[in-house]
Amino acid sequence: MKQDLYAADNYVQLLPFQVELNKQLTNSILKKITLIIIAVLWISSLLILIISLTNLYPENVFKDYRSIVGISFIAITGFLKTVYNTVIKENK
């Protein structure tokens, strides 16, 4: 019976450390997922910009809206840069 009490006491003492370790792992995983999402969004907007500015596809949807696509690419890049810098600063 005393061994069970000691085991339970040791478990209670280790519990805060385990919770802190789980928080760090969760934050690290969430930051990596956020960075991956940022990369996918930026690459997709870059592909849309390339398609709209070149004649790879003669009947593309973005042909008439080239200036809007260019301006929106610059805006998306600026927004994603601020999100990226926020995530990186929290990581340090």
Protein backbone atom coordinates (compact mmCIF):
# COMPACT_ATOMS: atom_id res chain seq x y z
CA MET A 1 0.00 0.00 0.00
CA LYS A 2 2.86 2.41 0.81
CA GLN A 3 4.44 1.69 -2.55
CA ASP A 4 1.22 2.73 -4.27
CA LEU A 5 1.17 5.99 -2.32
CA TYR A 6 4.77 6.74 -3.24
CA ALA A 7 4.09 5.93 -6.87
CA ALA A 8 1.04 8.21 -6.88
CA ASP A 9 3.02 10.96 -5.14
CA ASN A 10 5.80 10.73 -7.74
CA TYR A 11 3.24 10.82 -10.53
CA VAL A 12 1.67 13.98 -9.13
CA GLN A 13 5.08 15.63 -8.89
CA LEU A 14 5.94 14.77 -12.50
CA LEU A 15 2.56 15.84 -13.88
CA PRO A 16 3.28 19.60 -14.21
CA PHE A 17 6.48 18.84 -16.13
CA GLN A 18 4.59 16.54 -18.48
CA VAL A 19 1.88 19.15 -19.05
CA GLU A 20 4.52 21.80 -19.82
CA LEU A 21 6.27 19.42 -22.21
CA ASN A 22 2.96 18.71 -23.98
CA LYS A 23 2.28 22.46 -24.33
CA GLN A 24 5.69 22.98 -25.90
CA LEU A 25 5.16 20.11 -28.34
CA THR A 26 1.68 21.36 -29.24
CA ASN A 27 2.95 24.92 -29.80
CA SER A 28 5.80 23.63 -31.91
CA ILE A 29 3.48 21.52 -34.04
CA LEU A 30 1.01 24.39 -34.47
CA LYS A 31 3.81 26.73 -35.54
CA LYS A 32 5.04 24.24 -38.12
CA ILE A 33 1.51 23.77 -39.46
CA THR A 34 1.10 27.55 -39.67
CA LEU A 35 4.34 27.91 -41.61
CA ILE A 36 3.31 25.14 -44.01
CA ILE A 37 -0.06 26.82 -44.61
CA ILE A 38 1.70 30.14 -45.27
CA ALA A 39 4.00 28.46 -47.80
CA VAL A 40 1.11 26.74 -49.60
CA LEU A 41 -0.89 29.98 -49.80
CA TRP A 42 2.06 31.95 -51.14
CA ILE A 43 2.99 29.31 -53.74
CA SER A 44 -0.61 29.08 -54.94
CA SER A 45 -0.86 32.87 -55.28
CA LEU A 46 2.47 32.87 -57.15
CA LEU A 47 1.15 30.22 -59.56
CA ILE A 48 -1.99 32.29 -60.18
CA LEU A 49 0.20 35.33 -60.86
CA ILE A 50 2.37 33.38 -63.32
CA ILE A 51 -0.67 31.98 -65.11
CA SER A 52 -2.28 35.40 -65.41
CA LEU A 53 0.83 37.20 -66.67
CA THR A 54 1.97 34.61 -69.21
CA ASN A 55 0.18 33.07 -72.14
CA LEU A 56 0.64 29.47 -71.05
CA TYR A 57 -3.12 28.99 -71.19
CA PRO A 58 -4.68 31.22 -73.86
CA GLU A 59 -8.20 30.97 -72.42
CA ASN A 60 -7.35 31.51 -68.74
CA VAL A 61 -9.78 33.13 -66.34
CA PHE A 62 -7.33 35.73 -65.05
CA LYS A 63 -6.42 37.19 -68.45
CA ASP A 64 -8.68 40.22 -68.09
CA TYR A 65 -7.73 40.85 -64.45
CA ARG A 66 -3.93 40.90 -64.64
CA SER A 67 -3.49 44.15 -62.72
CA ILE A 68 -5.85 43.03 -59.95
CA VAL A 69 -4.01 39.71 -59.66
CA GLY A 70 -0.65 41.53 -59.43
CA ILE A 71 -1.87 43.93 -56.75
CA SER A 72 -3.50 41.12 -54.79
CA PHE A 73 -0.26 39.09 -54.96
CA ILE A 74 1.63 42.00 -53.43
CA ALA A 75 -1.03 42.38 -50.72
CA ILE A 76 -1.07 38.65 -49.93
CA THR A 77 2.73 38.61 -49.76
CA GLY A 78 2.75 41.52 -47.32
CA PHE A 79 0.10 39.93 -45.12
CA LEU A 80 1.84 36.55 -45.09
CA LYS A 81 5.15 38.25 -44.25
CA THR A 82 3.66 39.83 -41.13
CA VAL A 83 2.14 36.49 -40.08
CA TYR A 84 5.47 34.74 -40.72
CA ASN A 85 7.40 37.30 -38.69
CA THR A 86 4.92 36.94 -35.82
CA VAL A 87 5.25 33.15 -35.79
CA ILE A 88 9.06 33.31 -35.95
CA LYS A 89 9.29 35.88 -33.12
CA GLU A 90 7.07 33.73 -30.90
CA ASN A 91 9.32 30.75 -31.62
CA LYS A 92 12.40 32.46 -30.16
